[in-house]
Amino acid sequence: MTPWEIRAAEMVEKQIRARGIDSESVLEAMRSVPRHLFLPEHLRESAWIDSPLPIGEEQTISQPYMVARMTELLAPARGDSVLEIGTGSGYQAAVLAALGTKVTSIERIASLAVKARETLSALGYDVTVFWSDGREAGDCLGPFQGVIVTAAAPMLEEWWSEALAPGGRLVAPVTVLSGGERLLLREKRFHGEYSDTWYDYCRFVPLLRGRSGGSS
């Protein structure tokens, strides 16, 4: 094992499995993705701590436990099509791709979209990154077996749910009345109705409207 693989394995055992994540496929995906390569060079030594870290543009790479938790709730199967709202560094998309899913990701900040696209491509992950506003329906209408939102939303946008295939699952951090955020799992029933279940309290950067930056 390389030094980073050793540290990734330690991260998974001490920070993720120890906190209750028991999906072996998710744990293996978390072990396999080189999180340090999704960070600015001066922060790569901190890649394996259980904390969000800055990636520029006032955005962060998510805490490893939260990435694992949201992935486990999404429960994607190999071959599923997944839509991600908020590419950021590309790390969450890489974990999903490591599970064998076909990922389409939307990022509103042009520089981050370009950087994530480059990193994911260099590492061989099958992810399509669009520079677009994830709060508005564009060309990514689905259907998708999974939708994952990686920024705090005041509410679920209607089109996210509409983009789900029957039987699909949506996971998002949503602002609650207390002013904090909680993970919401929405499941789309085969007859078109939805079932919502609330999970962990969490903290994410806010989901903003509109594109930022130049052409990507």
C-alpha atoms as a PDB file:
ATOM      1  CA  MET A   1       0.000   0.000   0.000  1.00  0.00           C
ATOM      2  CA  THR A   2       1.139   3.530  -0.721  1.00  0.00           C
ATOM      3  CA  PRO A   3       1.345   6.068   2.146  1.00  0.00           C
ATOM      4  CA  TRP A   4      -1.919   7.717   1.129  1.00  0.00           C
ATOM      5  CA  GLU A   5      -3.712   4.359   0.900  1.00  0.00           C
ATOM      6  CA  ILE A   6      -2.589   3.564   4.439  1.00  0.00           C
ATOM      7  CA  ARG A   7      -3.909   6.887   5.683  1.00  0.00           C
ATOM      8  CA  ALA A   8      -7.174   6.455   3.771  1.00  0.00           C
ATOM      9  CA  ALA A   9      -7.664   3.010   5.325  1.00  0.00           C
ATOM     10  CA  GLU A  10      -7.023   4.451   8.803  1.00  0.00           C
ATOM     11  CA  MET A  11      -9.497   7.254   8.097  1.00  0.00           C
ATOM     12  CA  VAL A  12     -12.171   4.753   7.109  1.00  0.00           C
ATOM     13  CA  GLU A  13     -11.696   2.571  10.198  1.00  0.00           C
ATOM     14  CA  LYS A  14     -11.314   5.305  12.822  1.00  0.00           C
ATOM     15  CA  GLN A  15     -13.576   8.039  11.509  1.00  0.00           C
ATOM     16  CA  ILE A  16     -16.214   6.355   9.367  1.00  0.00           C
ATOM     17  CA  ARG A  17     -16.780   2.723  10.320  1.00  0.00           C
ATOM     18  CA  ALA A  18     -16.347   3.658  13.998  1.00  0.00           C
ATOM     19  CA  ARG A  19     -19.206   6.156  13.656  1.00  0.00           C
ATOM     20  CA  GLY A  20     -21.668   3.604  12.323  1.00  0.00           C
ATOM     21  CA  ILE A  21     -21.221   3.496   8.554  1.00  0.00           C
ATOM     22  CA  ASP A  22     -21.402  -0.218   7.765  1.00  0.00           C
ATOM     23  CA  SER A  23     -21.945  -0.406   4.000  1.00  0.00           C
ATOM     24  CA  GLU A  24     -18.879  -2.311   2.822  1.00  0.00           C
ATOM     25  CA  SER A  25     -19.195  -0.899  -0.692  1.00  0.00           C
ATOM     26  CA  VAL A  26     -19.213   2.676   0.651  1.00  0.00           C
ATOM     27  CA  LEU A  27     -16.276   1.967   2.951  1.00  0.00           C
ATOM     28  CA  GLU A  28     -14.292   0.482   0.073  1.00  0.00           C
ATOM     29  CA  ALA A  29     -15.077   3.470  -2.147  1.00  0.00           C
ATOM     30  CA  MET A  30     -13.900   5.839   0.593  1.00  0.00           C
ATOM     31  CA  ARG A  31     -10.670   3.849   0.912  1.00  0.00           C
ATOM     32  CA  SER A  32     -10.059   3.917  -2.827  1.00  0.00           C
ATOM     33  CA  VAL A  33     -10.399   7.646  -3.562  1.00  0.00           C
ATOM     34  CA  PRO A  34      -7.258   9.805  -3.081  1.00  0.00           C
ATOM     35  CA  ARG A  35      -8.921  12.647  -1.169  1.00  0.00           C
ATOM     36  CA  HIS A  36      -5.659  14.609  -0.988  1.00  0.00           C
ATOM     37  CA  LEU A  37      -5.680  15.109  -4.766  1.00  0.00           C
ATOM     38  CA  PHE A  38      -8.962  17.028  -4.529  1.00  0.00           C
ATOM     39  CA  LEU A  39      -7.359  19.633  -2.242  1.00  0.00           C
ATOM     40  CA  PRO A  40      -4.990  22.551  -2.828  1.00  0.00           C
ATOM     41  CA  GLU A  41      -1.405  21.355  -2.428  1.00  0.00           C
ATOM     42  CA  HIS A  42      -0.789  23.214   0.842  1.00  0.00           C
ATOM     43  CA  LEU A  43      -3.707  21.356   2.485  1.00  0.00           C
ATOM     44  CA  ARG A  44      -2.991  17.831   1.274  1.00  0.00           C
ATOM     45  CA  GLU A  45      -1.368  16.749   4.544  1.00  0.00           C
ATOM     46  CA  SER A  46      -4.709  17.487   6.235  1.00  0.00           C
ATOM     47  CA  ALA A  47      -6.715  15.394   3.768  1.00  0.00           C
ATOM     48  CA  TRP A  48      -7.357  12.520   6.169  1.00  0.00           C
ATOM     49  CA  ILE A  49      -8.753  14.443   9.136  1.00  0.00           C
ATOM     50  CA  ASP A  50     -12.512  14.247   9.688  1.00  0.00           C
ATOM     51  CA  SER A  51     -13.225  17.841   8.773  1.00  0.00           C
ATOM     52  CA  PRO A  52     -14.318  19.966   5.834  1.00  0.00           C
ATOM     53  CA  LEU A  53     -11.458  21.938   4.283  1.00  0.00           C
ATOM     54  CA  PRO A  54     -11.366  25.044   2.062  1.00  0.00           C
ATOM     55  CA  ILE A  55     -10.930  24.605  -1.689  1.00  0.00           C
ATOM     56  CA  GLY A  56     -11.171  28.257  -2.725  1.00  0.00           C
ATOM     57  CA  GLU A  57     -14.089  30.460  -3.830  1.00  0.00           C
ATOM     58  CA  GLU A  58     -15.436  30.282  -0.235  1.00  0.00           C
ATOM     59  CA  GLN A  59     -16.282  26.605  -0.794  1.00  0.00           C
ATOM     60  CA  THR A  60     -15.189  23.443   1.016  1.00  0.00           C
ATOM     61  CA  ILE A  61     -14.543  19.770   0.469  1.00  0.00           C
ATOM     62  CA  SER A  62     -16.968  17.916   2.727  1.00  0.00           C
ATOM     63  CA  GLN A  63     -16.021  16.069   5.899  1.00  0.00           C
ATOM     64  CA  PRO A  64     -15.238  12.405   5.047  1.00  0.00           C
ATOM     65  CA  TYR A  65     -17.857  11.058   7.474  1.00  0.00           C
ATOM     66  CA  MET A  66     -20.558  13.233   5.906  1.00  0.00           C
ATOM     67  CA  VAL A  67     -19.590  12.095   2.394  1.00  0.00           C
ATOM     68  CA  ALA A  68     -19.867   8.483   3.547  1.00  0.00           C
ATOM     69  CA  ARG A  69     -23.134   9.111   5.394  1.00  0.00           C
ATOM     70  CA  MET A  70     -24.830  10.787   2.441  1.00  0.00           C
ATOM     71  CA  THR A  71     -23.560   8.107   0.068  1.00  0.00           C
ATOM     72  CA  GLU A  72     -24.881   5.358   2.322  1.00  0.00           C
ATOM     73  CA  LEU A  73     -28.298   7.059   2.505  1.00  0.00           C
ATOM     74  CA  LEU A  74     -28.363   7.456  -1.273  1.00  0.00           C
ATOM     75  CA  ALA A  75     -27.558   3.717  -1.574  1.00  0.00           C
ATOM     76  CA  PRO A  76     -26.627   3.758  -5.261  1.00  0.00           C
ATOM     77  CA  ALA A  77     -26.250   0.470  -7.121  1.00  0.00           C
ATOM     78  CA  ARG A  78     -23.600  -0.225  -9.739  1.00  0.00           C
ATOM     79  CA  GLY A  79     -24.804   1.118 -13.078  1.00  0.00           C
ATOM     80  CA  ASP A  80     -27.162   3.695 -11.546  1.00  0.00           C
ATOM     81  CA  SER A  81     -27.324   7.200 -12.971  1.00  0.00           C
ATOM     82  CA  VAL A  82     -26.746   9.843 -10.271  1.00  0.00           C
ATOM     83  CA  LEU A  83     -27.144  13.623 -10.400  1.00  0.00           C
ATOM     84  CA  GLU A  84     -25.033  15.732  -8.039  1.00  0.00           C
ATOM     85  CA  ILE A  85     -25.914  19.351  -7.279  1.00  0.00           C
ATOM     86  CA  GLY A  86     -22.697  21.114  -6.263  1.00  0.00           C
ATOM     87  CA  THR A  87     -19.536  19.526  -7.665  1.00  0.00           C
ATOM     88  CA  GLY A  88     -17.128  21.529  -5.511  1.00  0.00           C
ATOM     89  CA  SER A  89     -13.776  19.725  -5.524  1.00  0.00           C
ATOM     90  CA  GLY A  90     -15.235  16.641  -7.211  1.00  0.00           C
ATOM     91  CA  TYR A  91     -14.561  14.367  -4.215  1.00  0.00           C
ATOM     92  CA  GLN A  92     -18.158  13.291  -3.600  1.00  0.00           C
ATOM     93  CA  ALA A  93     -18.572  12.606  -7.314  1.00  0.00           C
ATOM     94  CA  ALA A  94     -15.414  10.480  -7.265  1.00  0.00           C
ATOM     95  CA  VAL A  95     -16.750   8.373  -4.388  1.00  0.00           C
ATOM     96  CA  LEU A  96     -19.989   7.802  -6.296  1.00  0.00           C
ATOM     97  CA  ALA A  97     -18.074   6.930  -9.461  1.00  0.00           C
ATOM     98  CA  ALA A  98     -15.934   4.495  -7.457  1.00  0.00           C
ATOM     99  CA  LEU A  99     -19.182   2.688  -6.635  1.00  0.00           C
ATOM    100  CA  GLY A 100     -19.759   2.134 -10.351  1.00  0.00           C
ATOM    101  CA  THR A 101     -22.375   4.818 -10.931  1.00  0.00           C
ATOM    102  CA  LYS A 102     -22.625   7.180 -13.894  1.00  0.00           C
ATOM    103  CA  VAL A 103     -22.388  10.644 -12.339  1.00  0.00           C
ATOM    104  CA  THR A 104     -23.614  13.934 -13.779  1.00  0.00           C
ATOM    105  CA  SER A 105     -22.568  16.883 -11.617  1.00  0.00           C
ATOM    106  CA  ILE A 106     -23.551  20.558 -11.680  1.00  0.00           C
ATOM    107  CA  GLU A 107     -21.287  23.343 -10.358  1.00  0.00           C
ATOM    108  CA  ARG A 108     -22.220  27.035 -10.408  1.00  0.00           C
ATOM    109  CA  ILE A 109     -18.659  28.383  -9.994  1.00  0.00           C
ATOM    110  CA  ALA A 110     -16.766  28.148 -13.267  1.00  0.00           C
ATOM    111  CA  SER A 111     -13.252  27.796 -11.811  1.00  0.00           C
ATOM    112  CA  LEU A 112     -14.329  24.931  -9.559  1.00  0.00           C
ATOM    113  CA  ALA A 113     -16.137  23.203 -12.424  1.00  0.00           C
ATOM    114  CA  VAL A 114     -12.974  23.359 -14.537  1.00  0.00           C
ATOM    115  CA  LYS A 115     -10.701  22.151 -11.727  1.00  0.00           C
ATOM    116  CA  ALA A 116     -13.019  19.299 -10.714  1.00  0.00           C
ATOM    117  CA  ARG A 117     -13.413  18.206 -14.318  1.00  0.00           C
ATOM    118  CA  GLU A 118      -9.627  18.105 -14.745  1.00  0.00           C
ATOM    119  CA  THR A 119      -9.015  16.210 -11.507  1.00  0.00           C
ATOM    120  CA  LEU A 120     -11.728  13.633 -12.108  1.00  0.00           C
ATOM    121  CA  SER A 121     -10.598  13.038 -15.675  1.00  0.00           C
ATOM    122  CA  ALA A 122      -6.933  12.673 -14.657  1.00  0.00           C
ATOM    123  CA  LEU A 123      -7.917  10.060 -12.073  1.00  0.00           C
ATOM    124  CA  GLY A 124     -10.114   8.146 -14.504  1.00  0.00           C
ATOM    125  CA  TYR A 125     -13.511   8.732 -12.900  1.00  0.00           C
ATOM    126  CA  ASP A 126     -16.585   8.626 -15.154  1.00  0.00           C
ATOM    127  CA  VAL A 127     -18.138  11.977 -14.216  1.00  0.00           C
ATOM    128  CA  THR A 128     -19.691  14.642 -16.450  1.00  0.00           C
ATOM    129  CA  VAL A 129     -19.392  18.143 -14.946  1.00  0.00           C
ATOM    130  CA  PHE A 130     -21.588  21.023 -16.112  1.00  0.00           C
ATOM    131  CA  TRP A 131     -21.167  24.707 -15.272  1.00  0.00           C
ATOM    132  CA  SER A 132     -24.744  25.580 -14.415  1.00  0.00           C
ATOM    133  CA  ASP A 133     -27.156  26.697 -11.703  1.00  0.00           C
ATOM    134  CA  GLY A 134     -28.270  23.629  -9.769  1.00  0.00           C
ATOM    135  CA  ARG A 135     -31.352  25.350  -8.413  1.00  0.00           C
ATOM    136  CA  GLU A 136     -32.841  25.669 -11.894  1.00  0.00           C
ATOM    137  CA  ALA A 137     -33.756  22.876 -14.282  1.00  0.00           C
ATOM    138  CA  GLY A 138     -31.489  22.821 -17.301  1.00  0.00           C
ATOM    139  CA  ASP A 139     -30.543  19.929 -19.525  1.00  0.00           C
ATOM    140  CA  CYS A 140     -30.040  17.445 -16.640  1.00  0.00           C
ATOM    141  CA  LEU A 141     -33.632  16.291 -16.387  1.00  0.00           C
ATOM    142  CA  GLY A 142     -32.998  12.601 -15.883  1.00  0.00           C
ATOM    143  CA  PRO A 143     -34.400  10.286 -14.988  1.00  0.00           C
ATOM    144  CA  PHE A 144     -31.780   9.522 -12.332  1.00  0.00           C
ATOM    145  CA  GLN A 145     -31.802   6.719  -9.780  1.00  0.00           C
ATOM    146  CA  GLY A 146     -30.190   9.114  -7.314  1.00  0.00           C
ATOM    147  CA  VAL A 147     -29.914  12.858  -6.703  1.00  0.00           C
ATOM    148  CA  ILE A 148     -27.456  14.206  -4.116  1.00  0.00           C
ATOM    149  CA  VAL A 149     -27.169  17.840  -3.056  1.00  0.00           C
ATOM    150  CA  THR A 150     -23.911  18.969  -1.473  1.00  0.00           C
ATOM    151  CA  ALA A 151     -24.859  22.461  -0.286  1.00  0.00           C
ATOM    152  CA  ALA A 152     -27.463  23.596   2.244  1.00  0.00           C
ATOM    153  CA  ALA A 153     -30.806  24.203   0.556  1.00  0.00           C
ATOM    154  CA  PRO A 154     -33.646  26.243   2.073  1.00  0.00           C
ATOM    155  CA  MET A 155     -35.990  23.689   0.487  1.00  0.00           C
ATOM    156  CA  LEU A 156     -35.915  20.946  -2.114  1.00  0.00           C
ATOM    157  CA  GLU A 157     -36.211  22.337  -5.613  1.00  0.00           C
ATOM    158  CA  GLU A 158     -39.188  20.766  -7.371  1.00  0.00           C
ATOM    159  CA  TRP A 159     -37.170  19.677 -10.385  1.00  0.00           C
ATOM    160  CA  TRP A 160     -34.786  17.583  -8.252  1.00  0.00           C
ATOM    161  CA  SER A 161     -37.644  15.319  -7.248  1.00  0.00           C
ATOM    162  CA  GLU A 162     -39.093  15.307 -10.752  1.00  0.00           C
ATOM    163  CA  ALA A 163     -35.701  14.159 -12.081  1.00  0.00           C
ATOM    164  CA  LEU A 164     -35.882  10.990  -9.965  1.00  0.00           C
ATOM    165  CA  ALA A 165     -36.802   7.709 -11.575  1.00  0.00           C
ATOM    166  CA  PRO A 166     -39.502   5.691  -9.787  1.00  0.00           C
ATOM    167  CA  GLY A 167     -37.810   4.029  -6.826  1.00  0.00           C
ATOM    168  CA  GLY A 168     -35.090   6.701  -6.813  1.00  0.00           C
ATOM    169  CA  ARG A 169     -33.622   8.449  -3.781  1.00  0.00           C
ATOM    170  CA  LEU A 170     -32.681  12.069  -3.127  1.00  0.00           C
ATOM    171  CA  VAL A 171     -30.356  13.143  -0.294  1.00  0.00           C
ATOM    172  CA  ALA A 172     -29.874  16.793   0.643  1.00  0.00           C
ATOM    173  CA  PRO A 173     -28.963  18.990   3.621  1.00  0.00           C
ATOM    174  CA  VAL A 174     -32.012  21.184   4.203  1.00  0.00           C
ATOM    175  CA  THR A 175     -32.391  24.176   6.505  1.00  0.00           C
ATOM    176  CA  VAL A 176     -34.795  23.489   9.393  1.00  0.00           C
ATOM    177  CA  LEU A 177     -36.770  25.792  11.697  1.00  0.00           C
ATOM    178  CA  SER A 178     -34.031  25.843  14.341  1.00  0.00           C
ATOM    179  CA  GLY A 179     -31.776  27.532  11.811  1.00  0.00           C
ATOM    180  CA  GLY A 180     -29.525  24.509  11.438  1.00  0.00           C
ATOM    181  CA  GLU A 181     -29.516  21.870   8.741  1.00  0.00           C
ATOM    182  CA  ARG A 182     -30.499  18.208   8.598  1.00  0.00           C
ATOM    183  CA  LEU A 183     -30.053  15.515   6.009  1.00  0.00           C
ATOM    184  CA  LEU A 184     -33.308  14.726   4.243  1.00  0.00           C
ATOM    185  CA  LEU A 185     -33.835  11.482   2.360  1.00  0.00           C
ATOM    186  CA  ARG A 186     -36.674  11.604  -0.171  1.00  0.00           C
ATOM    187  CA  GLU A 187     -37.737   8.343  -1.813  1.00  0.00           C
ATOM    188  CA  LYS A 188     -39.864   8.379  -4.941  1.00  0.00           C
ATOM    189  CA  ARG A 189     -42.456   5.632  -4.870  1.00  0.00           C
ATOM    190  CA  PHE A 190     -43.288   3.709  -8.013  1.00  0.00           C
ATOM    191  CA  HIS A 191     -46.757   5.294  -8.128  1.00  0.00           C
ATOM    192  CA  GLY A 192     -45.241   8.802  -8.062  1.00  0.00           C
ATOM    193  CA  GLU A 193     -45.628   9.788  -4.403  1.00  0.00           C
ATOM    194  CA  TYR A 194     -42.736  10.738  -2.123  1.00  0.00           C
ATOM    195  CA  SER A 195     -41.649   9.579   1.308  1.00  0.00           C
ATOM    196  CA  ASP A 196     -39.402  11.884   3.383  1.00  0.00           C
ATOM    197  CA  THR A 197     -37.191  10.851   6.312  1.00  0.00           C
ATOM    198  CA  TRP A 198     -34.943  13.161   8.345  1.00  0.00           C
ATOM    199  CA  TYR A 199     -31.479  12.141   9.509  1.00  0.00           C
ATOM    200  CA  ASP A 200     -28.323  13.788  10.914  1.00  0.00           C
ATOM    201  CA  TYR A 201     -27.875  17.443  11.769  1.00  0.00           C
ATOM    202  CA  CYS A 202     -25.078  18.865   9.646  1.00  0.00           C
ATOM    203  CA  ARG A 203     -23.456  22.030   8.329  1.00  0.00           C
ATOM    204  CA  PHE A 204     -22.818  22.880   4.676  1.00  0.00           C
ATOM    205  CA  VAL A 205     -22.042  25.984   2.672  1.00  0.00           C
ATOM    206  CA  PRO A 206     -25.281  27.543   1.360  1.00  0.00           C
ATOM    207  CA  LEU A 207     -26.739  26.644  -2.001  1.00  0.00           C
ATOM    208  CA  LEU A 208     -26.725  29.848  -4.048  1.00  0.00           C
ATOM    209  CA  ARG A 209     -28.555  30.811  -7.215  1.00  0.00           C
ATOM    210  CA  GLY A 210     -26.924  31.772 -10.497  1.00  0.00           C
ATOM    211  CA  ARG A 211     -23.646  30.990 -12.234  1.00  0.00           C
ATOM    212  CA  SER A 212     -20.377  32.611 -11.178  1.00  0.00           C
ATOM    213  CA  GLY A 213     -17.224  33.183 -13.212  1.00  0.00           C
ATOM    214  CA  GLY A 214     -16.423  32.984 -16.872  1.00  0.00           C
ATOM    215  CA  SER A 215     -16.971  30.294 -19.469  1.00  0.00           C
ATOM    216  CA  SER A 216     -16.021  26.732 -18.559  1.00  0.00           C
END
